[in-house]
Amino acid sequence: MRHIKRHHDRGEFRIESNRTLHSPLWDVSAGQAVLVHERSLAVAMAAKTRTVPSGGEVRVVHTPTGEVIFRKGGDGTCARRR
């Protein structure tokens, strides 16, 4: 699992999928989860992320609570919790 560290006081957010994550923001495929320490950065990165094979769901989860705060479906639809 790759770690992208920013502001440690903002919590941890996991970008995850049941398929392999791939993004133009990363040099290599990230596997099935990436940890990010800033909510807005995690949501922005997830919005630009695809799955391999395509069609998988990408989620941002607040790690301490397990709450899904952003979800992008395989059909391109997005839902963000405020």
Protein backbone atom coordinates (compact mmCIF):
# COMPACT_ATOMS: atom_id res chain seq x y z
CA MET A 1 0.00 0.00 0.00
CA ARG A 2 1.46 3.41 -0.94
CA HIS A 3 1.36 6.29 1.52
CA ILE A 4 1.07 9.91 0.42
CA LYS A 5 1.67 12.08 3.45
CA ARG A 6 0.40 15.61 3.84
CA HIS A 7 -1.01 17.16 7.03
CA HIS A 8 -0.99 14.47 9.71
CA ASP A 9 -3.51 16.29 11.89
CA ARG A 10 -6.32 15.93 9.37
CA GLY A 11 -6.86 12.19 9.66
CA GLU A 12 -6.31 9.31 7.30
CA PHE A 13 -8.29 8.56 4.18
CA ARG A 14 -8.01 5.42 2.11
CA ILE A 15 -8.68 5.39 -1.63
CA GLU A 16 -9.78 1.82 -2.32
CA SER A 17 -11.33 -0.52 -4.83
CA ASN A 18 -11.88 -4.24 -5.24
CA ARG A 19 -9.86 -3.91 -8.47
CA THR A 20 -6.38 -2.54 -9.14
CA LEU A 21 -6.22 1.28 -8.97
CA HIS A 22 -4.54 3.24 -11.75
CA SER A 23 -4.19 7.00 -12.01
CA PRO A 24 -2.33 9.50 -14.19
CA LEU A 25 -1.28 11.13 -10.89
CA TRP A 26 0.83 8.11 -9.91
CA ASP A 27 3.78 6.63 -11.79
CA VAL A 28 2.73 3.02 -11.16
CA SER A 29 -0.42 1.12 -10.38
CA ALA A 30 -1.22 1.47 -6.69
CA GLY A 31 -2.70 -1.94 -5.98
CA GLN A 32 -6.08 -1.86 -4.29
CA ALA A 33 -5.60 0.92 -1.71
CA VAL A 34 -3.72 4.19 -1.16
CA LEU A 35 -3.54 6.16 2.10
CA VAL A 36 -3.79 9.96 1.97
CA HIS A 37 -3.70 12.31 4.96
CA GLU A 38 -5.94 15.08 3.62
CA ARG A 39 -9.63 14.71 2.74
CA SER A 40 -9.78 17.09 -0.21
CA LEU A 41 -6.66 15.59 -1.76
CA ALA A 42 -8.05 12.06 -1.35
CA VAL A 43 -11.33 12.99 -3.07
CA ALA A 44 -9.55 14.80 -5.92
CA MET A 45 -7.21 11.86 -6.46
CA ALA A 46 -10.06 9.35 -6.37
CA ALA A 47 -12.00 11.37 -8.94
CA LYS A 48 -9.07 11.01 -11.36
CA THR A 49 -8.50 7.32 -10.62
CA ARG A 50 -9.52 4.37 -12.82
CA THR A 51 -9.60 0.66 -12.13
CA VAL A 52 -7.94 -2.10 -14.08
CA PRO A 53 -9.91 -3.79 -15.52
CA SER A 54 -12.24 -0.85 -16.01
CA GLY A 55 -15.71 -0.66 -14.51
CA GLY A 56 -14.78 -1.02 -10.85
CA GLU A 57 -15.92 1.26 -8.04
CA VAL A 58 -13.44 3.70 -6.41
CA ARG A 59 -14.13 4.82 -2.83
CA VAL A 60 -12.59 7.21 -0.31
CA VAL A 61 -12.96 5.90 3.25
CA HIS A 62 -12.25 7.83 6.45
CA THR A 63 -9.96 5.23 8.03
CA PRO A 64 -10.70 5.82 11.76
CA THR A 65 -14.49 5.60 11.33
CA GLY A 66 -14.86 3.45 8.21
CA GLU A 67 -17.24 6.03 6.71
CA VAL A 68 -17.29 6.19 2.89
CA ILE A 69 -17.02 9.90 2.04
CA PHE A 70 -16.73 9.61 -1.75
CA ARG A 71 -17.76 6.94 -4.23
CA LYS A 72 -17.25 6.76 -8.00
CA GLY A 73 -19.02 3.93 -9.80
CA GLY A 74 -17.84 2.05 -12.84
CA ASP A 75 -20.33 3.98 -14.95
CA GLY A 76 -18.65 7.30 -14.03
CA THR A 77 -21.26 8.48 -11.53
CA CYS A 78 -19.95 10.17 -8.38
CA ALA A 79 -21.39 10.66 -4.90
CA ARG A 80 -19.76 12.81 -2.24
CA ARG A 81 -20.77 12.96 1.39
CA ARG A 82 -20.34 16.35 3.07
